[in-house]
Amino acid sequence: MLTLSESEVRTVKAWAEKAETSPFPQEHAVVSRLKKNVSSRSMMFSKKELEVILYWAEQETKAYSVGESFLLEQEAELIAKIESNLND
């Protein structure tokens, strides 16, 4: 389990926007939880949910990143935080 801050939740919500059209139930479950968090307050996520979020991050950031130096600092830090948690 990993708790994400309000600003990190807002970033995840931005990554999740395209996931609403996904055919995968795992993605819809995470999108549903995010929608219930109207104020974007901090949230705790399971490793399975973090895998979905990391997938969204990769899909969203691959369009403009050739290397990590092109990621927004907040995005790069969040991705590193998620990857670190998944590798524990």
C-alpha atoms as a PDB file:
ATOM      1  CA  MET A   1       0.000   0.000   0.000  1.00  0.00           C
ATOM      2  CA  LEU A   2       1.158   3.509  -0.768  1.00  0.00           C
ATOM      3  CA  THR A   3      -0.421   6.824   0.165  1.00  0.00           C
ATOM      4  CA  LEU A   4      -0.307   9.574  -2.449  1.00  0.00           C
ATOM      5  CA  SER A   5      -0.614  13.246  -1.521  1.00  0.00           C
ATOM      6  CA  GLU A   6      -3.271  15.629  -2.840  1.00  0.00           C
ATOM      7  CA  SER A   7      -0.996  16.940  -5.599  1.00  0.00           C
ATOM      8  CA  GLU A   8       0.017  13.393  -6.565  1.00  0.00           C
ATOM      9  CA  VAL A   9      -3.651  12.373  -6.728  1.00  0.00           C
ATOM     10  CA  ARG A  10      -4.317  15.310  -9.068  1.00  0.00           C
ATOM     11  CA  THR A  11      -1.499  14.093 -11.330  1.00  0.00           C
ATOM     12  CA  VAL A  12      -2.915  10.552 -11.291  1.00  0.00           C
ATOM     13  CA  LYS A  13      -6.357  11.935 -12.165  1.00  0.00           C
ATOM     14  CA  ALA A  14      -4.835  13.679 -15.187  1.00  0.00           C
ATOM     15  CA  TRP A  15      -3.191  10.438 -16.286  1.00  0.00           C
ATOM     16  CA  ALA A  16      -6.478   8.576 -15.767  1.00  0.00           C
ATOM     17  CA  GLU A  17      -8.540  10.760 -18.099  1.00  0.00           C
ATOM     18  CA  LYS A  18      -7.954   8.505 -21.112  1.00  0.00           C
ATOM     19  CA  ALA A  19      -8.485   5.337 -19.064  1.00  0.00           C
ATOM     20  CA  GLU A  20     -12.247   5.888 -18.934  1.00  0.00           C
ATOM     21  CA  THR A  21     -12.469   4.474 -22.456  1.00  0.00           C
ATOM     22  CA  SER A  22     -10.339   1.442 -21.603  1.00  0.00           C
ATOM     23  CA  PRO A  23     -11.908  -2.016 -21.852  1.00  0.00           C
ATOM     24  CA  PHE A  24      -9.970  -3.256 -18.795  1.00  0.00           C
ATOM     25  CA  PRO A  25     -11.903  -3.612 -15.518  1.00  0.00           C
ATOM     26  CA  GLN A  26      -8.762  -2.997 -13.427  1.00  0.00           C
ATOM     27  CA  GLU A  27      -8.483   0.475 -14.904  1.00  0.00           C
ATOM     28  CA  HIS A  28     -12.173   1.216 -14.406  1.00  0.00           C
ATOM     29  CA  ALA A  29     -11.934   0.261 -10.728  1.00  0.00           C
ATOM     30  CA  VAL A  30      -9.136   2.762 -10.127  1.00  0.00           C
ATOM     31  CA  VAL A  31     -10.905   5.460 -12.163  1.00  0.00           C
ATOM     32  CA  SER A  32     -14.041   4.889 -10.097  1.00  0.00           C
ATOM     33  CA  ARG A  33     -12.124   5.341  -6.834  1.00  0.00           C
ATOM     34  CA  LEU A  34     -10.511   8.516  -8.168  1.00  0.00           C
ATOM     35  CA  LYS A  35     -13.887   9.960  -9.192  1.00  0.00           C
ATOM     36  CA  LYS A  36     -15.229   9.428  -5.679  1.00  0.00           C
ATOM     37  CA  ASN A  37     -12.378  11.576  -4.355  1.00  0.00           C
ATOM     38  CA  VAL A  38     -13.818  14.891  -5.540  1.00  0.00           C
ATOM     39  CA  SER A  39     -11.482  17.060  -3.448  1.00  0.00           C
ATOM     40  CA  SER A  40      -8.358  15.111  -4.544  1.00  0.00           C
ATOM     41  CA  ARG A  41      -7.430  14.472  -0.910  1.00  0.00           C
ATOM     42  CA  SER A  42      -4.653  11.976  -0.253  1.00  0.00           C
ATOM     43  CA  MET A  43      -5.444   8.348  -1.063  1.00  0.00           C
ATOM     44  CA  MET A  44      -3.968   4.935  -0.357  1.00  0.00           C
ATOM     45  CA  PHE A  45      -3.420   2.545  -3.262  1.00  0.00           C
ATOM     46  CA  SER A  46      -2.675  -1.174  -3.399  1.00  0.00           C
ATOM     47  CA  LYS A  47       0.196  -2.571  -5.445  1.00  0.00           C
ATOM     48  CA  LYS A  48      -2.252  -3.734  -8.142  1.00  0.00           C
ATOM     49  CA  GLU A  49      -3.704  -0.221  -8.371  1.00  0.00           C
ATOM     50  CA  LEU A  50      -0.196   1.239  -8.494  1.00  0.00           C
ATOM     51  CA  GLU A  51       0.610  -1.029 -11.436  1.00  0.00           C
ATOM     52  CA  VAL A  52      -2.384   0.435 -13.276  1.00  0.00           C
ATOM     53  CA  ILE A  53      -1.331   3.981 -12.372  1.00  0.00           C
ATOM     54  CA  LEU A  54       2.240   3.321 -13.528  1.00  0.00           C
ATOM     55  CA  TYR A  55       0.875   2.029 -16.837  1.00  0.00           C
ATOM     56  CA  TRP A  56      -1.109   5.266 -17.241  1.00  0.00           C
ATOM     57  CA  ALA A  57       1.978   7.301 -16.412  1.00  0.00           C
ATOM     58  CA  GLU A  58       4.013   5.467 -19.020  1.00  0.00           C
ATOM     59  CA  GLN A  59       1.298   5.927 -21.648  1.00  0.00           C
ATOM     60  CA  GLU A  60       0.845   9.618 -20.865  1.00  0.00           C
ATOM     61  CA  THR A  61       4.503  10.558 -20.597  1.00  0.00           C
ATOM     62  CA  LYS A  62       5.964   8.498 -23.446  1.00  0.00           C
ATOM     63  CA  ALA A  63       4.524  10.942 -25.970  1.00  0.00           C
ATOM     64  CA  TYR A  64       6.806  13.739 -24.817  1.00  0.00           C
ATOM     65  CA  SER A  65       9.668  12.066 -23.006  1.00  0.00           C
ATOM     66  CA  VAL A  66      12.765  10.795 -24.683  1.00  0.00           C
ATOM     67  CA  GLY A  67      14.452  10.555 -21.316  1.00  0.00           C
ATOM     68  CA  GLU A  68      13.573  11.392 -17.767  1.00  0.00           C
ATOM     69  CA  SER A  69      14.977  14.890 -18.226  1.00  0.00           C
ATOM     70  CA  PHE A  70      11.884  15.745 -20.274  1.00  0.00           C
ATOM     71  CA  LEU A  71       9.391  14.673 -17.650  1.00  0.00           C
ATOM     72  CA  LEU A  72       7.886  17.277 -15.409  1.00  0.00           C
ATOM     73  CA  GLU A  73       9.674  17.126 -12.071  1.00  0.00           C
ATOM     74  CA  GLN A  74       6.474  16.249 -10.209  1.00  0.00           C
ATOM     75  CA  GLU A  75       5.685  13.444 -12.651  1.00  0.00           C
ATOM     76  CA  ALA A  76       9.218  12.039 -12.481  1.00  0.00           C
ATOM     77  CA  GLU A  77       9.142  12.054  -8.669  1.00  0.00           C
ATOM     78  CA  LEU A  78       5.742  10.368  -8.577  1.00  0.00           C
ATOM     79  CA  ILE A  79       6.796   7.689 -11.059  1.00  0.00           C
ATOM     80  CA  ALA A  80       9.958   7.027  -9.031  1.00  0.00           C
ATOM     81  CA  LYS A  81       7.906   6.810  -5.816  1.00  0.00           C
ATOM     82  CA  ILE A  82       5.512   4.288  -7.377  1.00  0.00           C
ATOM     83  CA  GLU A  83       8.304   2.217  -8.918  1.00  0.00           C
ATOM     84  CA  SER A  84      10.158   2.158  -5.602  1.00  0.00           C
ATOM     85  CA  ASN A  85       7.050   0.916  -3.814  1.00  0.00           C
ATOM     86  CA  LEU A  86       6.408  -1.760  -6.432  1.00  0.00           C
ATOM     87  CA  ASN A  87      10.004  -2.994  -6.181  1.00  0.00           C
ATOM     88  CA  ASP A  88       9.880  -3.382  -2.379  1.00  0.00           C
END
